[in-house]
Amino acid sequence: MLRSIATIVAATGALAAIVGWLWNLVAPTPDANIGAGALVVLGLPVAGIGVVLLIVSALLDRRREP
């Protein structure tokens, strides 16, 4: 269960960061820059949290197996 949640969180964060970067690349207007920056700034930490959760999930699964 934790692994699926972590995968969704990591993918969502990474996609938000990629969309923000592409948005700024395709439409570099001041408004797009603000929105794209917000997506990148919020997406990277969310992706990081997802990766940490994936690591914790892997460690917990490893601990359960005898």
N, C-alpha and C. Protein backbone atom coordinates (compact mmCIF):
# COMPACT_ATOMS: atom_id res chain seq x y z
N MET A 1 0.82 -1.19 0.00
CA MET A 1 0.00 0.00 0.00
C MET A 1 0.87 1.26 0.00
N LEU A 2 1.89 1.28 0.84
CA LEU A 2 2.77 2.45 0.92
C LEU A 2 3.52 2.64 -0.39
N ARG A 3 3.90 1.54 -1.02
CA ARG A 3 4.64 1.65 -2.29
C ARG A 3 3.78 2.28 -3.38
N SER A 4 2.51 1.91 -3.44
CA SER A 4 1.64 2.50 -4.47
C SER A 4 1.40 3.98 -4.21
N ILE A 5 1.22 4.36 -2.95
CA ILE A 5 1.05 5.77 -2.61
C ILE A 5 2.32 6.55 -2.95
N ALA A 6 3.46 5.99 -2.61
CA ALA A 6 4.74 6.65 -2.89
C ALA A 6 4.96 6.81 -4.39
N THR A 7 4.60 5.81 -5.15
CA THR A 7 4.75 5.90 -6.61
C THR A 7 3.88 7.00 -7.18
N ILE A 8 2.65 7.10 -6.70
CA ILE A 8 1.74 8.15 -7.18
C ILE A 8 2.26 9.52 -6.79
N VAL A 9 2.74 9.67 -5.56
CA VAL A 9 3.25 10.97 -5.10
C VAL A 9 4.49 11.36 -5.91
N ALA A 10 5.40 10.44 -6.10
CA ALA A 10 6.63 10.74 -6.86
C ALA A 10 6.31 11.08 -8.31
N ALA A 11 5.42 10.32 -8.92
CA ALA A 11 5.06 10.58 -10.32
C ALA A 11 4.35 11.92 -10.46
N THR A 12 3.46 12.23 -9.54
CA THR A 12 2.75 13.50 -9.59
C THR A 12 3.71 14.68 -9.46
N GLY A 13 4.62 14.59 -8.53
CA GLY A 13 5.60 15.66 -8.35
C GLY A 13 6.51 15.82 -9.55
N ALA A 14 6.97 14.70 -10.09
CA ALA A 14 7.85 14.77 -11.26
C ALA A 14 7.11 15.33 -12.47
N LEU A 15 5.87 14.90 -12.65
CA LEU A 15 5.09 15.42 -13.78
C LEU A 15 4.81 16.91 -13.62
N ALA A 16 4.53 17.36 -12.41
CA ALA A 16 4.30 18.79 -12.19
C ALA A 16 5.55 19.59 -12.53
N ALA A 17 6.69 19.11 -12.12
CA ALA A 17 7.95 19.81 -12.42
C ALA A 17 8.22 19.83 -13.92
N ILE A 18 7.97 18.72 -14.59
CA ILE A 18 8.20 18.66 -16.04
C ILE A 18 7.23 19.57 -16.79
N VAL A 19 5.96 19.56 -16.38
CA VAL A 19 4.97 20.43 -17.02
C VAL A 19 5.34 21.90 -16.81
N GLY A 20 5.78 22.25 -15.62
CA GLY A 20 6.20 23.62 -15.36
C GLY A 20 7.38 24.03 -16.21
N TRP A 21 8.35 23.15 -16.35
CA TRP A 21 9.52 23.44 -17.17
C TRP A 21 9.13 23.59 -18.64
N LEU A 22 8.28 22.68 -19.14
CA LEU A 22 7.84 22.77 -20.53
C LEU A 22 6.99 24.01 -20.77
N TRP A 23 6.13 24.35 -19.81
CA TRP A 23 5.29 25.53 -19.93
C TRP A 23 6.15 26.78 -20.08
N ASN A 24 7.17 26.90 -19.29
CA ASN A 24 8.07 28.05 -19.37
C ASN A 24 8.87 28.03 -20.68
N LEU A 25 9.19 26.85 -21.17
CA LEU A 25 9.94 26.73 -22.41
C LEU A 25 9.09 27.11 -23.62
N VAL A 26 7.83 26.68 -23.64
CA VAL A 26 6.95 26.90 -24.79
C VAL A 26 6.36 28.30 -24.79
N ALA A 27 5.94 28.79 -23.64
CA ALA A 27 5.28 30.10 -23.56
C ALA A 27 5.96 30.96 -22.49
N PRO A 28 7.11 31.55 -22.80
CA PRO A 28 7.85 32.30 -21.79
C PRO A 28 7.33 33.72 -21.55
N THR A 29 6.07 33.84 -21.17
CA THR A 29 5.50 35.14 -20.81
C THR A 29 5.62 35.32 -19.30
N PRO A 30 5.46 36.53 -18.78
CA PRO A 30 5.54 36.72 -17.32
C PRO A 30 4.53 35.88 -16.54
N ASP A 31 3.29 35.79 -17.05
CA ASP A 31 2.29 34.98 -16.34
C ASP A 31 2.64 33.50 -16.39
N ALA A 32 3.09 33.04 -17.53
CA ALA A 32 3.49 31.64 -17.64
C ALA A 32 4.70 31.36 -16.77
N ASN A 33 5.58 32.33 -16.66
CA ASN A 33 6.77 32.15 -15.83
C ASN A 33 6.39 31.95 -14.37
N ILE A 34 5.41 32.71 -13.90
CA ILE A 34 4.97 32.58 -12.51
C ILE A 34 4.33 31.21 -12.29
N GLY A 35 3.43 30.81 -13.18
CA GLY A 35 2.77 29.51 -13.04
C GLY A 35 3.73 28.35 -13.19
N ALA A 36 4.62 28.47 -14.17
CA ALA A 36 5.59 27.40 -14.39
C ALA A 36 6.55 27.29 -13.21
N GLY A 37 6.97 28.43 -12.69
CA GLY A 37 7.85 28.41 -11.52
C GLY A 37 7.18 27.77 -10.33
N ALA A 38 5.90 28.07 -10.15
CA ALA A 38 5.16 27.47 -9.03
C ALA A 38 5.07 25.96 -9.19
N LEU A 39 4.83 25.50 -10.41
CA LEU A 39 4.76 24.05 -10.63
C LEU A 39 6.09 23.38 -10.35
N VAL A 40 7.16 23.99 -10.78
CA VAL A 40 8.49 23.41 -10.55
C VAL A 40 8.83 23.43 -9.06
N VAL A 41 8.58 24.58 -8.42
CA VAL A 41 8.92 24.73 -7.00
C VAL A 41 8.10 23.77 -6.14
N LEU A 42 6.85 23.53 -6.49
CA LEU A 42 6.04 22.59 -5.73
C LEU A 42 6.27 21.14 -6.16
N GLY A 43 6.57 20.93 -7.43
CA GLY A 43 6.72 19.57 -7.93
C GLY A 43 7.98 18.87 -7.46
N LEU A 44 9.07 19.59 -7.39
CA LEU A 44 10.33 18.95 -6.98
C LEU A 44 10.30 18.42 -5.54
N PRO A 45 9.81 19.19 -4.56
CA PRO A 45 9.74 18.62 -3.20
C PRO A 45 8.74 17.46 -3.10
N VAL A 46 7.64 17.55 -3.84
CA VAL A 46 6.67 16.45 -3.81
C VAL A 46 7.30 15.19 -4.40
N ALA A 47 8.04 15.33 -5.48
CA ALA A 47 8.74 14.18 -6.05
C ALA A 47 9.77 13.63 -5.06
N GLY A 48 10.46 14.52 -4.36
CA GLY A 48 11.43 14.08 -3.35
C GLY A 48 10.77 13.31 -2.22
N ILE A 49 9.62 13.79 -1.78
CA ILE A 49 8.88 13.09 -0.73
C ILE A 49 8.46 11.71 -1.22
N GLY A 50 8.03 11.63 -2.47
CA GLY A 50 7.66 10.33 -3.04
C GLY A 50 8.82 9.36 -3.09
N VAL A 51 9.99 9.86 -3.44
CA VAL A 51 11.18 9.00 -3.48
C VAL A 51 11.54 8.52 -2.07
N VAL A 52 11.45 9.41 -1.10
CA VAL A 52 11.73 9.01 0.29
C VAL A 52 10.73 7.94 0.73
N LEU A 53 9.47 8.11 0.39
CA LEU A 53 8.47 7.10 0.74
C LEU A 53 8.75 5.77 0.05
N LEU A 54 9.22 5.82 -1.19
CA LEU A 54 9.59 4.57 -1.88
C LEU A 54 10.74 3.87 -1.17
N ILE A 55 11.72 4.63 -0.71
CA ILE A 55 12.85 4.05 0.01
C ILE A 55 12.38 3.44 1.33
N VAL A 56 11.53 4.16 2.05
CA VAL A 56 11.00 3.64 3.32
C VAL A 56 10.20 2.37 3.06
N SER A 57 9.40 2.36 2.01
CA SER A 57 8.61 1.18 1.67
C SER A 57 9.51 -0.01 1.36
N ALA A 58 10.58 0.22 0.61
CA ALA A 58 11.51 -0.86 0.28
C ALA A 58 12.19 -1.39 1.54
N LEU A 59 12.57 -0.49 2.44
CA LEU A 59 13.21 -0.93 3.68
C LEU A 59 12.25 -1.71 4.56
N LEU A 60 10.99 -1.28 4.62
CA LEU A 60 10.01 -2.01 5.41
C LEU A 60 9.72 -3.38 4.81
N ASP A 61 9.65 -3.47 3.49
CA ASP A 61 9.44 -4.77 2.84
C ASP A 61 10.62 -5.70 3.09
N ARG A 62 11.80 -5.16 3.06
CA ARG A 62 13.01 -5.96 3.29
C ARG A 62 13.04 -6.47 4.73
N ARG A 63 12.56 -5.66 5.64
CA ARG A 63 12.58 -6.02 7.06
C ARG A 63 11.57 -7.13 7.36
N ARG A 64 10.45 -7.15 6.64
CA ARG A 64 9.42 -8.16 6.88
C ARG A 64 9.83 -9.55 6.42
N GLU A 65 10.63 -9.61 5.36
CA GLU A 65 11.03 -10.91 4.83
C GLU A 65 12.10 -11.54 5.72
N PRO A 66 11.90 -12.82 6.10
CA PRO A 66 12.88 -13.48 6.98
C PRO A 66 14.16 -13.85 6.28
